[in-house]
Amino acid sequence: MDDYKQQNGNLASSARDLASNAEELMRQTAAVSNDSIAVLREKLQESLKVARTQIANAQDYAVERGKQAVTATDTYVHEKPWQAIAVAALFGALIGFISSGSRR
């Protein structure tokens, strides 16, 4: 789970860096008055706005889905504790079997 969070954090960080660099490029080229550059600057600005919104929406969705998964798991464990213990024991045994086989 931590790897998943780290990867998503890296993705979000990379997207923020990209947006920041694009905004810096727009600021640096603001003095250039070529019409085609102005049009491209406007398109880039709109694209950045859309990208930021989509990233925020994706992040909100991921957080909400994570909360739903935690709630569902908590409910299941409280309603069926013995099944949850059995699944955890089998999973632990499987991990132990796989890890002991790799040392041979």
C-alpha atoms as a PDB file:
ATOM      1  CA  MET A   1       0.000   0.000   0.000  1.00  0.00           C
ATOM      2  CA  ASP A   2       2.857   2.372   0.770  1.00  0.00           C
ATOM      3  CA  ASP A   3       4.347   1.746  -2.699  1.00  0.00           C
ATOM      4  CA  TYR A   4       0.971   2.618  -4.220  1.00  0.00           C
ATOM      5  CA  LYS A   5       0.806   5.858  -2.236  1.00  0.00           C
ATOM      6  CA  GLN A   6       4.394   6.678  -3.146  1.00  0.00           C
ATOM      7  CA  GLN A   7       3.796   6.054  -6.861  1.00  0.00           C
ATOM      8  CA  ASN A   8       0.643   8.176  -6.851  1.00  0.00           C
ATOM      9  CA  GLY A   9       2.455  10.850  -4.877  1.00  0.00           C
ATOM     10  CA  ASN A  10       5.267  10.809  -7.417  1.00  0.00           C
ATOM     11  CA  LEU A  11       2.782  11.032 -10.269  1.00  0.00           C
ATOM     12  CA  ALA A  12       0.989  13.955  -8.665  1.00  0.00           C
ATOM     13  CA  SER A  13       4.306  15.635  -7.899  1.00  0.00           C
ATOM     14  CA  SER A  14       5.479  15.160 -11.484  1.00  0.00           C
ATOM     15  CA  ALA A  15       2.224  16.609 -12.803  1.00  0.00           C
ATOM     16  CA  ARG A  16       2.554  19.612 -10.488  1.00  0.00           C
ATOM     17  CA  ASP A  17       6.171  20.110 -11.597  1.00  0.00           C
ATOM     18  CA  LEU A  18       5.121  19.926 -15.243  1.00  0.00           C
ATOM     19  CA  ALA A  19       2.389  22.491 -14.668  1.00  0.00           C
ATOM     20  CA  SER A  20       4.755  24.740 -12.750  1.00  0.00           C
ATOM     21  CA  ASN A  21       7.387  24.536 -15.484  1.00  0.00           C
ATOM     22  CA  ALA A  22       4.799  25.274 -18.165  1.00  0.00           C
ATOM     23  CA  GLU A  23       3.593  28.314 -16.215  1.00  0.00           C
ATOM     24  CA  GLU A  24       7.182  29.492 -15.851  1.00  0.00           C
ATOM     25  CA  LEU A  25       7.667  29.093 -19.616  1.00  0.00           C
ATOM     26  CA  MET A  26       4.545  31.179 -20.196  1.00  0.00           C
ATOM     27  CA  ARG A  27       5.853  33.903 -17.870  1.00  0.00           C
ATOM     28  CA  GLN A  28       9.254  33.901 -19.568  1.00  0.00           C
ATOM     29  CA  THR A  29       7.720  34.230 -23.042  1.00  0.00           C
ATOM     30  CA  ALA A  30       5.135  36.840 -22.024  1.00  0.00           C
ATOM     31  CA  ALA A  31       7.222  39.613 -23.554  1.00  0.00           C
ATOM     32  CA  VAL A  32       7.278  37.890 -26.939  1.00  0.00           C
ATOM     33  CA  SER A  33       4.497  39.449 -29.000  1.00  0.00           C
ATOM     34  CA  ASN A  34       4.295  37.018 -31.891  1.00  0.00           C
ATOM     35  CA  ASP A  35       0.617  36.214 -32.564  1.00  0.00           C
ATOM     36  CA  SER A  36       1.217  32.491 -32.955  1.00  0.00           C
ATOM     37  CA  ILE A  37       3.058  32.347 -29.623  1.00  0.00           C
ATOM     38  CA  ALA A  38       0.195  34.209 -27.948  1.00  0.00           C
ATOM     39  CA  VAL A  39      -2.302  31.679 -29.308  1.00  0.00           C
ATOM     40  CA  LEU A  40      -0.136  28.785 -28.156  1.00  0.00           C
ATOM     41  CA  ARG A  41       0.244  30.398 -24.738  1.00  0.00           C
ATOM     42  CA  GLU A  42      -3.531  30.641 -24.378  1.00  0.00           C
ATOM     43  CA  LYS A  43      -3.977  27.006 -25.426  1.00  0.00           C
ATOM     44  CA  LEU A  44      -1.308  25.910 -22.949  1.00  0.00           C
ATOM     45  CA  GLN A  45      -2.925  27.916 -20.187  1.00  0.00           C
ATOM     46  CA  GLU A  46      -6.310  26.301 -20.871  1.00  0.00           C
ATOM     47  CA  SER A  47      -4.726  22.842 -21.029  1.00  0.00           C
ATOM     48  CA  LEU A  48      -3.025  23.420 -17.680  1.00  0.00           C
ATOM     49  CA  LYS A  49      -6.310  24.515 -16.150  1.00  0.00           C
ATOM     50  CA  VAL A  50      -8.047  21.372 -17.404  1.00  0.00           C
ATOM     51  CA  ALA A  51      -5.143  19.153 -16.296  1.00  0.00           C
ATOM     52  CA  ARG A  52      -5.131  20.612 -12.785  1.00  0.00           C
ATOM     53  CA  THR A  53      -8.876  20.028 -12.497  1.00  0.00           C
ATOM     54  CA  GLN A  54      -8.555  16.449 -13.729  1.00  0.00           C
ATOM     55  CA  ILE A  55      -5.679  15.723 -11.342  1.00  0.00           C
ATOM     56  CA  ALA A  56      -7.658  17.128  -8.423  1.00  0.00           C
ATOM     57  CA  ASN A  57     -10.710  15.074  -9.426  1.00  0.00           C
ATOM     58  CA  ALA A  58      -8.633  11.906  -9.779  1.00  0.00           C
ATOM     59  CA  GLN A  59      -7.059  12.474  -6.395  1.00  0.00           C
ATOM     60  CA  ASP A  60     -10.462  13.057  -4.766  1.00  0.00           C
ATOM     61  CA  TYR A  61     -11.819   9.911  -6.441  1.00  0.00           C
ATOM     62  CA  ALA A  62      -8.868   7.812  -5.256  1.00  0.00           C
ATOM     63  CA  VAL A  63      -9.246   9.075  -1.690  1.00  0.00           C
ATOM     64  CA  GLU A  64     -12.983   8.366  -1.731  1.00  0.00           C
ATOM     65  CA  ARG A  65     -12.469   4.841  -3.133  1.00  0.00           C
ATOM     66  CA  GLY A  66      -9.831   4.189  -0.476  1.00  0.00           C
ATOM     67  CA  LYS A  67     -12.225   5.280   2.259  1.00  0.00           C
ATOM     68  CA  GLN A  68     -14.925   3.009   0.815  1.00  0.00           C
ATOM     69  CA  ALA A  69     -12.522   0.058   0.775  1.00  0.00           C
ATOM     70  CA  VAL A  70     -11.530   0.673   4.388  1.00  0.00           C
ATOM     71  CA  THR A  71     -15.169   0.927   5.441  1.00  0.00           C
ATOM     72  CA  ALA A  72     -16.125  -2.255   3.569  1.00  0.00           C
ATOM     73  CA  THR A  73     -13.191  -4.161   5.059  1.00  0.00           C
ATOM     74  CA  ASP A  74     -13.970  -2.928   8.559  1.00  0.00           C
ATOM     75  CA  THR A  75     -17.621  -3.924   8.182  1.00  0.00           C
ATOM     76  CA  TYR A  76     -16.702  -7.378   6.873  1.00  0.00           C
ATOM     77  CA  VAL A  77     -14.215  -8.026   9.671  1.00  0.00           C
ATOM     78  CA  HIS A  78     -16.747  -6.986  12.312  1.00  0.00           C
ATOM     79  CA  GLU A  79     -19.529  -9.073  10.783  1.00  0.00           C
ATOM     80  CA  LYS A  80     -17.409 -12.168  10.071  1.00  0.00           C
ATOM     81  CA  PRO A  81     -14.374 -12.148  12.362  1.00  0.00           C
ATOM     82  CA  TRP A  82     -13.588 -15.873  12.057  1.00  0.00           C
ATOM     83  CA  GLN A  83     -13.610 -15.791   8.272  1.00  0.00           C
ATOM     84  CA  ALA A  84     -11.317 -12.762   8.365  1.00  0.00           C
ATOM     85  CA  ILE A  85      -8.942 -14.598  10.712  1.00  0.00           C
ATOM     86  CA  ALA A  86      -8.966 -17.654   8.432  1.00  0.00           C
ATOM     87  CA  VAL A  87      -8.240 -15.565   5.335  1.00  0.00           C
ATOM     88  CA  ALA A  88      -5.414 -13.757   7.135  1.00  0.00           C
ATOM     89  CA  ALA A  89      -3.946 -17.078   8.333  1.00  0.00           C
ATOM     90  CA  LEU A  90      -4.101 -18.590   4.850  1.00  0.00           C
ATOM     91  CA  PHE A  91      -2.554 -15.489   3.346  1.00  0.00           C
ATOM     92  CA  GLY A  92       0.216 -15.574   5.959  1.00  0.00           C
ATOM     93  CA  ALA A  93       0.842 -19.265   5.294  1.00  0.00           C
ATOM     94  CA  LEU A  94       0.995 -18.618   1.559  1.00  0.00           C
ATOM     95  CA  ILE A  95       3.509 -15.794   2.028  1.00  0.00           C
ATOM     96  CA  GLY A  96       5.556 -18.011   4.354  1.00  0.00           C
ATOM     97  CA  PHE A  97       5.504 -20.867   1.852  1.00  0.00           C
ATOM     98  CA  ILE A  98       6.553 -18.631  -1.025  1.00  0.00           C
ATOM     99  CA  SER A  99       9.328 -16.951   0.952  1.00  0.00           C
ATOM    100  CA  SER A 100      10.717 -20.238   2.300  1.00  0.00           C
ATOM    101  CA  GLY A 101      10.750 -21.745  -1.201  1.00  0.00           C
ATOM    102  CA  SER A 102      12.800 -18.880  -2.571  1.00  0.00           C
ATOM    103  CA  ARG A 103      15.645 -19.548  -0.075  1.00  0.00           C
ATOM    104  CA  ARG A 104      16.312 -23.038  -1.345  1.00  0.00           C
END
